[in-house]
Amino acid sequence: MTSKDRVFAAFKKQATDKVPVHQIGFSSDVASALLRREAYIGGGIQQWREAKTLWQGEEAHQEFLERSFQDAIDIALLLDEDIIRPGYWRYPLKPTKWIDENTFLYAYGDEENWRVLRYDPPSEQCNVFYYKPKKLSFNDIEKDIAEREKTLLDYQPKEDDFVFDIRAQRLLGDERVVRVGGVGIGIPIREADIWLEAFLLRPDLVARHLNIQAEQAVRNVEFLVPLGFRYFFGGGDFASNDGPMYSPKLFRELVVPRLKRVSEVCHRHDSYHLFASDGNLWPVADDLFGVAEVDGYYEIDRRAGMDLGRLRQRFPHLALLGNISSHTVHLGTKEEVVEETISCMEEAKRSRGIIVGVSNYFVPGTPIENVTALLETIKQYR
């Protein structure tokens, strides 16, 4: 079986020659240790690197883009992953001022709309915030939605929007699955407070926001399928260990119809819609994995009670990706990492339709011996 065959069989719940594998993501810290060079991979660190190289000029930025693509491919091939993640986080807007080593200003438009990007090296995360702090109002988000609705009228996806994905598909798509996004559905996490209020007080605004996302997703799927893509990685974080941030009723009324629209366009094109969120999703699981017709679930958070065996029993159609806890790999002992990895491998062999990997990503500061233990255990038990 090729990797591509193996993933397809997993989504069809068919037998595979060995357990399919996909690590959802890597911090630069962990990827650098594995590649034995500084790896242009990760979350906020990649946004900071892009800001820095955009400031330095076109040549530096092009070098950043090339290194980012090559490192993403190299880490996947090094670990013999069946699904390739060709790109990580981006912030492709040139800063107008370099304030200090870790801080950039984006002074575009009115001063009230200026933004600041600040990078925190230990966590490899970035925070993007208003230059002059302000509390968003319903009027602010309604104005933004109206502008996005106008832009949507002329929206047509193009190759420049998916440069890394299309390049990887042309390079490796005959043998391996190349994951692609463009189908995310959810509220902005960085502005969650006003959006959670809107769920209760202005559901019309939430509906308009989600309609924009769904329409963009539909157009993206229809553009990408002819280029060879079949697995669309979407989702949107909305839960903690205690459950969703808003009620199952609101999820059912506002989010599910838009998710179902994305699922339907994927199915019309013989493709798969995948959803990701950390946290306990059981209160909305029947709507998410049943009514919304989602095909795959990744970032499966075992510490929040999302158990592979229970998921397989409840949703026999659902492809499951992940479930080795990032927390365990980061803070657990080597023995705990091995035990958790074996449990996922055994469930994958017993239940089929499971693609094993770390549930979210390998966070900065994860002991490399724990990472190595995970990878060696997967190799031994595949």
Protein backbone atom coordinates (compact mmCIF):
# COMPACT_ATOMS: atom_id res chain seq x y z
CA MET A 1 0.00 0.00 0.00
CA THR A 2 1.12 3.55 -0.65
CA SER A 3 0.53 6.14 2.06
CA LYS A 4 -2.30 7.52 -0.05
CA ASP A 5 -3.92 4.07 -0.27
CA ARG A 6 -3.52 3.61 3.47
CA VAL A 7 -5.29 6.87 4.35
CA PHE A 8 -8.10 6.18 1.89
CA ALA A 9 -8.59 2.72 3.41
CA ALA A 10 -8.71 4.25 6.89
CA PHE A 11 -11.49 6.63 5.85
CA LYS A 12 -13.35 3.66 4.36
CA LYS A 13 -12.77 1.59 7.56
CA GLN A 14 -10.94 -1.04 5.52
CA ALA A 15 -7.91 -3.07 6.57
CA THR A 16 -4.48 -1.49 6.08
CA ASP A 17 -1.05 -3.07 5.75
CA LYS A 18 0.08 -1.04 8.76
CA VAL A 19 -1.37 1.64 10.99
CA PRO A 20 -1.54 5.01 9.20
CA VAL A 21 0.26 7.89 10.93
CA HIS A 22 0.01 11.67 10.94
CA GLN A 23 1.50 14.02 13.51
CA ILE A 24 -0.79 17.07 13.57
CA GLY A 25 2.00 19.59 14.10
CA PHE A 26 5.42 20.47 15.51
CA SER A 27 6.91 23.36 17.39
CA SER A 28 10.12 24.70 15.91
CA ASP A 29 11.94 23.52 19.04
CA VAL A 30 11.02 19.86 18.55
CA ALA A 31 11.29 19.87 14.75
CA SER A 32 14.76 21.44 15.00
CA ALA A 33 15.91 18.66 17.32
CA LEU A 34 14.62 16.00 14.93
CA LEU A 35 16.00 17.63 11.76
CA ARG A 36 19.23 18.64 13.53
CA ARG A 37 18.98 22.19 12.20
CA GLU A 38 16.84 25.22 12.92
CA ALA A 39 13.44 24.27 11.52
CA TYR A 40 11.16 26.90 10.00
CA ILE A 41 8.08 25.19 11.41
CA GLY A 42 5.62 26.07 14.15
CA GLY A 43 2.96 28.47 15.33
CA GLY A 44 3.61 32.05 16.39
CA ILE A 45 7.33 31.71 15.78
CA GLN A 46 6.58 31.42 12.07
CA GLN A 47 4.48 34.59 12.19
CA TRP A 48 7.37 36.40 13.87
CA ARG A 49 9.86 35.02 11.35
CA GLU A 50 7.68 36.15 8.48
CA ALA A 51 7.30 39.66 9.96
CA LYS A 52 11.07 39.85 10.39
CA THR A 53 11.89 38.74 6.86
CA LEU A 54 9.21 40.97 5.29
CA TRP A 55 10.87 43.87 7.07
CA GLN A 56 14.29 42.78 5.80
CA GLY A 57 13.17 42.70 2.17
CA GLU A 58 11.97 40.51 -0.67
CA GLU A 59 15.05 38.28 -0.83
CA ALA A 60 14.88 37.47 2.88
CA HIS A 61 11.15 36.80 2.65
CA GLN A 62 11.55 34.44 -0.29
CA GLU A 63 14.23 32.56 1.62
CA PHE A 64 11.81 32.29 4.56
CA LEU A 65 9.08 30.87 2.31
CA GLU A 66 11.40 28.31 0.73
CA ARG A 67 12.86 27.16 4.04
CA SER A 68 9.38 26.91 5.57
CA PHE A 69 8.10 24.72 2.77
CA GLN A 70 11.15 22.48 2.67
CA ASP A 71 11.29 21.97 6.43
CA ALA A 72 7.59 21.04 6.58
CA ILE A 73 8.12 18.44 3.87
CA ASP A 74 11.38 17.16 5.36
CA ILE A 75 9.92 16.54 8.84
CA ALA A 76 6.97 14.62 7.39
CA LEU A 77 9.18 12.47 5.16
CA LEU A 78 11.73 11.90 7.93
CA LEU A 79 8.97 10.37 10.06
CA ASP A 80 7.34 8.53 7.13
CA GLU A 81 3.98 10.18 7.69
CA ASP A 82 1.05 9.18 5.53
CA ILE A 83 -0.42 12.70 5.52
CA ILE A 84 1.76 15.69 4.67
CA ARG A 85 1.27 19.05 6.36
CA PRO A 86 2.94 21.44 3.89
CA GLY A 87 2.60 24.70 5.79
CA TYR A 88 2.34 26.21 9.24
CA TRP A 89 1.17 29.58 10.59
CA ARG A 90 1.47 32.73 8.48
CA TYR A 91 1.16 36.50 8.93
CA PRO A 92 2.00 37.79 5.43
CA LEU A 93 1.54 41.53 6.09
CA LYS A 94 4.64 43.73 6.01
CA PRO A 95 5.15 45.62 9.27
CA THR A 96 5.51 49.39 9.18
CA LYS A 97 7.84 49.57 12.18
CA TRP A 98 10.18 47.17 13.96
CA ILE A 99 9.74 48.21 17.60
CA ASP A 100 12.11 45.72 19.20
CA GLU A 101 13.41 42.21 18.53
CA ASN A 102 10.06 40.59 19.25
CA THR A 103 7.57 43.36 18.44
CA PHE A 104 6.28 44.83 15.17
CA LEU A 105 3.79 47.57 14.39
CA TYR A 106 1.27 47.45 11.52
CA ALA A 107 0.14 51.07 11.08
CA TYR A 108 -2.37 50.64 8.28
CA GLY A 109 -5.53 52.71 7.97
CA ASP A 110 -6.95 54.68 10.87
CA GLU A 111 -4.95 54.58 14.09
CA GLU A 112 -7.80 52.77 15.84
CA ASN A 113 -7.19 49.83 13.51
CA TRP A 114 -3.40 49.64 13.88
CA ARG A 115 -2.12 46.29 15.16
CA VAL A 116 0.92 45.08 17.07
CA LEU A 117 2.51 41.64 16.77
CA ARG A 118 4.44 40.54 19.85
CA TYR A 119 6.37 37.28 19.99
CA ASP A 120 7.05 35.27 23.16
CA PRO A 121 10.13 33.06 22.55
CA PRO A 122 9.64 30.49 25.37
CA SER A 123 6.15 29.54 24.19
CA GLU A 124 6.80 30.17 20.47
CA GLN A 125 3.49 32.05 20.40
CA CYS A 126 2.50 35.46 19.03
CA ASN A 127 -0.13 37.84 20.26
CA VAL A 128 -1.64 40.23 17.70
CA PHE A 129 -3.52 43.08 19.37
CA TYR A 130 -4.73 46.63 18.80
CA TYR A 131 -2.09 49.36 19.09
CA LYS A 132 -4.55 51.34 21.20
CA PRO A 133 -6.45 48.77 23.24
CA LYS A 134 -10.20 48.89 22.77
CA LYS A 135 -13.18 46.76 23.64
CA LEU A 136 -14.98 45.62 20.52
CA SER A 137 -18.69 46.32 20.27
CA PHE A 138 -21.45 44.71 18.25
CA ASN A 139 -21.24 47.74 15.95
CA ASP A 140 -17.55 47.00 15.33
CA ILE A 141 -18.12 43.40 14.33
CA GLU A 142 -21.21 44.28 12.29
CA LYS A 143 -19.17 46.81 10.32
CA ASP A 144 -16.45 44.22 9.73
CA ILE A 145 -19.00 41.63 8.62
CA ALA A 146 -20.58 44.05 6.16
CA GLU A 147 -17.18 44.75 4.59
CA ARG A 148 -16.42 41.03 4.35
CA GLU A 149 -19.80 40.37 2.75
CA LYS A 150 -18.98 42.90 0.03
CA THR A 151 -15.57 41.31 -0.53
CA LEU A 152 -17.19 37.87 -0.71
CA LEU A 153 -19.21 38.89 -3.77
CA ASP A 154 -16.02 38.81 -5.85
CA TYR A 155 -14.16 36.11 -3.95
CA GLN A 156 -12.57 33.49 -6.17
CA PRO A 157 -9.80 31.32 -4.72
CA LYS A 158 -6.54 31.24 -6.65
CA GLU A 159 -3.31 29.29 -6.57
CA ASP A 160 -1.53 32.08 -4.67
CA ASP A 161 -3.90 31.41 -1.75
CA PHE A 162 -2.66 27.80 -1.45
CA VAL A 163 0.94 28.01 -2.67
CA PHE A 164 2.50 25.48 -0.26
CA ASP A 165 -0.41 23.05 -0.52
CA ILE A 166 -0.47 23.00 -4.32
CA ARG A 167 3.30 22.72 -4.56
CA ALA A 168 3.28 19.75 -2.16
CA GLN A 169 0.40 18.14 -4.04
CA ARG A 170 2.31 18.33 -7.32
CA LEU A 171 5.46 17.04 -5.66
CA LEU A 172 4.09 14.23 -3.47
CA GLY A 173 0.38 13.84 -4.18
CA ASP A 174 0.72 10.63 -6.16
CA GLU A 175 2.06 8.76 -3.15
CA ARG A 176 0.87 10.62 -0.05
CA VAL A 177 -2.13 12.62 1.10
CA VAL A 178 -1.50 16.36 1.22
CA ARG A 179 -3.76 18.04 3.75
CA VAL A 180 -5.32 21.37 2.90
CA GLY A 181 -7.41 23.88 4.81
CA GLY A 182 -9.69 26.63 3.61
CA VAL A 183 -12.81 25.19 5.28
CA GLY A 184 -12.59 26.47 8.86
CA ILE A 185 -15.86 27.30 10.61
CA GLY A 186 -15.91 29.10 13.96
CA ILE A 187 -15.63 32.36 15.86
CA PRO A 188 -12.35 34.31 16.26
CA ILE A 189 -10.69 32.96 19.40
CA ARG A 190 -8.71 36.15 20.06
CA GLU A 191 -11.96 38.12 20.21
CA ALA A 192 -13.99 35.38 21.84
CA ASP A 193 -15.62 37.55 24.53
CA ILE A 194 -17.64 39.73 22.16
CA TRP A 195 -18.49 36.77 19.95
CA LEU A 196 -19.75 34.70 22.88
CA GLU A 197 -21.95 37.65 23.83
CA ALA A 198 -23.16 37.78 20.23
CA PHE A 199 -24.24 34.12 20.38
CA LEU A 200 -26.72 35.15 23.06
CA LEU A 201 -27.63 38.72 22.14
CA ARG A 202 -26.93 39.04 18.40
CA PRO A 203 -27.16 35.56 16.85
CA ASP A 204 -27.88 37.28 13.53
CA LEU A 205 -24.27 38.56 13.48
CA VAL A 206 -22.91 35.10 14.27
CA ALA A 207 -25.01 33.63 11.46
CA ARG A 208 -23.72 36.20 8.95
CA HIS A 209 -20.12 35.58 10.04
CA LEU A 210 -20.52 31.80 9.68
CA ASN A 211 -22.28 32.21 6.32
CA ILE A 212 -19.22 34.04 4.98
CA GLN A 213 -16.93 31.25 6.16
CA ALA A 214 -19.19 28.57 4.68
CA GLU A 215 -19.43 30.28 1.30
CA GLN A 216 -15.66 30.73 1.13
CA ALA A 217 -15.22 27.06 2.09
CA VAL A 218 -17.57 25.92 -0.67
CA ARG A 219 -15.67 27.91 -3.27
CA ASN A 220 -12.32 26.69 -1.93
CA VAL A 221 -13.38 23.03 -2.15
CA GLU A 222 -14.65 23.46 -5.70
CA PHE A 223 -11.36 25.12 -6.66
CA LEU A 224 -9.06 22.60 -4.94
CA VAL A 225 -10.69 19.29 -5.88
CA PRO A 226 -9.64 19.51 -9.56
CA LEU A 227 -6.06 20.01 -8.31
CA GLY A 228 -6.13 16.63 -6.58
CA PHE A 229 -7.14 17.47 -3.00
CA ARG A 230 -9.62 15.20 -1.22
CA TYR A 231 -9.05 15.75 2.50
CA PHE A 232 -10.11 19.16 3.81
CA PHE A 233 -8.88 19.98 7.33
CA GLY A 234 -11.19 22.48 9.01
CA GLY A 235 -12.70 23.08 12.41
CA GLY A 236 -12.35 25.81 14.99
CA ASP A 237 -11.51 25.59 18.70
CA PHE A 238 -14.56 26.12 20.88
CA ALA A 239 -14.25 23.82 23.89
CA SER A 240 -12.33 23.19 27.10
CA ASN A 241 -12.09 20.07 29.25
CA ASP A 242 -15.47 21.03 30.70
CA GLY A 243 -17.25 21.21 27.34
CA PRO A 244 -18.14 23.77 24.64
CA MET A 245 -17.91 27.50 25.30
CA TYR A 246 -21.53 27.97 24.27
CA SER A 247 -24.63 25.81 24.52
CA PRO A 248 -25.34 22.73 22.41
CA LYS A 249 -28.59 24.44 21.36
CA LEU A 250 -26.70 27.40 19.87
CA PHE A 251 -24.20 25.07 18.25
CA ARG A 252 -27.06 23.12 16.67
CA GLU A 253 -28.88 26.20 15.45
CA LEU A 254 -25.98 28.34 14.24
CA VAL A 255 -22.90 26.22 13.55
CA VAL A 256 -24.23 22.85 12.41
CA PRO A 257 -26.06 24.09 9.26
CA ARG A 258 -22.88 25.79 8.03
CA LEU A 259 -20.75 22.72 8.78
CA LYS A 260 -23.25 20.55 6.96
CA ARG A 261 -23.05 22.80 3.91
CA VAL A 262 -19.27 22.26 3.80
CA SER A 263 -19.71 18.50 4.27
CA GLU A 264 -22.22 18.36 1.43
CA VAL A 265 -19.96 20.11 -1.07
CA CYS A 266 -17.09 17.78 -0.07
CA HIS A 267 -19.30 14.73 -0.58
CA ARG A 268 -20.50 15.96 -3.97
CA HIS A 269 -16.85 15.93 -4.99
CA ASP A 270 -16.00 12.55 -3.43
CA SER A 271 -13.99 14.28 -0.71
CA TYR A 272 -13.81 14.38 3.08
CA HIS A 273 -14.51 17.14 5.61
CA LEU A 274 -12.43 16.99 8.80
CA PHE A 275 -13.04 18.98 11.98
CA ALA A 276 -10.62 19.87 14.80
CA SER A 277 -11.11 21.26 18.27
CA ASP A 278 -9.47 20.62 21.59
CA GLY A 279 -11.64 19.89 24.59
CA ASN A 280 -14.69 17.86 25.51
CA LEU A 281 -16.99 17.69 22.48
CA TRP A 282 -19.35 15.01 23.79
CA PRO A 283 -22.22 17.49 24.47
CA VAL A 284 -22.34 18.32 20.73
CA ALA A 285 -20.92 15.11 19.29
CA ASP A 286 -24.17 13.79 17.81
CA ASP A 287 -24.77 17.06 15.98
CA LEU A 288 -21.14 17.49 14.90
CA PHE A 289 -20.43 13.96 13.74
CA GLY A 290 -23.99 13.01 12.83
CA VAL A 291 -26.20 15.87 11.65
CA ALA A 292 -23.32 17.93 10.23
CA GLU A 293 -22.00 14.84 8.39
CA VAL A 294 -18.36 15.52 9.28
CA ASP A 295 -16.12 12.68 8.04
CA GLY A 296 -13.01 13.03 10.18
CA TYR A 297 -12.06 14.32 13.62
CA TYR A 298 -8.55 15.42 14.61
CA GLU A 299 -6.89 16.99 17.67
CA ILE A 300 -8.79 14.35 19.67
CA ASP A 301 -8.27 15.36 23.29
CA ARG A 302 -8.09 12.25 25.47
CA ARG A 303 -7.52 14.32 28.63
CA ALA A 304 -10.93 15.89 28.00
CA GLY A 305 -12.57 12.47 27.74
CA MET A 306 -12.50 11.99 23.96
CA ASP A 307 -11.77 8.27 23.89
CA LEU A 308 -10.98 6.46 20.63
CA GLY A 309 -12.89 3.29 21.50
CA ARG A 310 -15.99 5.18 22.61
CA LEU A 311 -15.86 7.41 19.54
CA ARG A 312 -15.55 4.42 17.23
CA GLN A 313 -18.50 2.68 18.86
CA ARG A 314 -20.71 5.78 18.78
CA PHE A 315 -19.70 6.95 15.31
CA PRO A 316 -18.66 3.96 13.19
CA HIS A 317 -18.35 6.09 10.04
CA LEU A 318 -15.94 8.63 11.54
CA ALA A 319 -12.20 8.69 10.73
CA LEU A 320 -10.18 9.51 13.86
CA LEU A 321 -6.78 11.25 13.84
CA GLY A 322 -4.53 11.61 16.87
CA ASN A 323 -5.23 10.92 20.57
CA ILE A 324 -1.68 10.69 21.91
CA SER A 325 -1.82 13.57 24.37
CA SER A 326 0.55 16.49 23.82
CA HIS A 327 0.40 16.99 27.58
CA THR A 328 1.66 13.46 28.23
CA VAL A 329 4.49 13.78 25.71
CA HIS A 330 5.45 17.17 27.17
CA LEU A 331 5.24 16.47 30.89
CA GLY A 332 4.92 12.71 31.29
CA THR A 333 7.59 10.08 31.78
CA LYS A 334 9.01 8.08 28.91
CA GLU A 335 7.09 5.05 30.20
CA GLU A 336 3.80 6.98 30.19
CA VAL A 337 4.42 8.12 26.62
CA VAL A 338 5.09 4.55 25.48
CA GLU A 339 2.00 3.23 27.28
CA GLU A 340 -0.27 5.88 25.76
CA THR A 341 1.15 5.36 22.27
CA ILE A 342 0.68 1.58 22.48
CA SER A 343 -2.93 2.05 23.58
CA CYS A 344 -3.63 4.17 20.48
CA MET A 345 -1.87 1.70 18.19
CA GLU A 346 -3.82 -1.23 19.61
CA GLU A 347 -7.14 0.63 19.26
CA ALA A 348 -6.26 1.49 15.66
CA LYS A 349 -5.65 -2.18 14.85
CA ARG A 350 -8.81 -3.25 16.65
CA SER A 351 -11.20 -0.60 15.35
CA ARG A 352 -9.84 0.49 11.96
CA GLY A 353 -10.37 4.00 10.64
CA ILE A 354 -7.81 5.46 13.07
CA ILE A 355 -4.74 7.46 12.03
CA VAL A 356 -2.36 7.65 14.97
CA GLY A 357 -0.40 10.70 16.06
CA VAL A 358 -0.01 13.37 18.71
CA SER A 359 -3.37 14.96 19.47
CA ASN A 360 -2.42 18.58 18.85
CA TYR A 361 1.27 19.31 18.39
CA PHE A 362 4.66 18.78 19.98
CA VAL A 363 4.94 21.86 22.17
CA PRO A 364 8.19 23.77 22.86
CA GLY A 365 10.20 22.27 25.68
CA THR A 366 9.00 18.72 25.08
CA PRO A 367 11.84 16.35 26.08
CA ILE A 368 13.31 14.91 22.91
CA GLU A 369 13.60 11.52 24.61
CA ASN A 370 9.80 11.50 24.96
CA VAL A 371 9.37 12.42 21.31
CA THR A 372 11.80 9.69 20.31
CA ALA A 373 9.98 7.17 22.52
CA LEU A 374 6.69 8.01 20.81
CA LEU A 375 8.15 7.73 17.32
CA GLU A 376 10.02 4.49 18.03
CA THR A 377 6.92 2.92 19.59
CA ILE A 378 4.83 3.82 16.55
CA LYS A 379 7.48 2.31 14.28
CA GLN A 380 7.63 -0.87 16.36
CA TYR A 381 3.84 -1.40 16.56
CA ARG A 382 2.69 -0.24 13.11
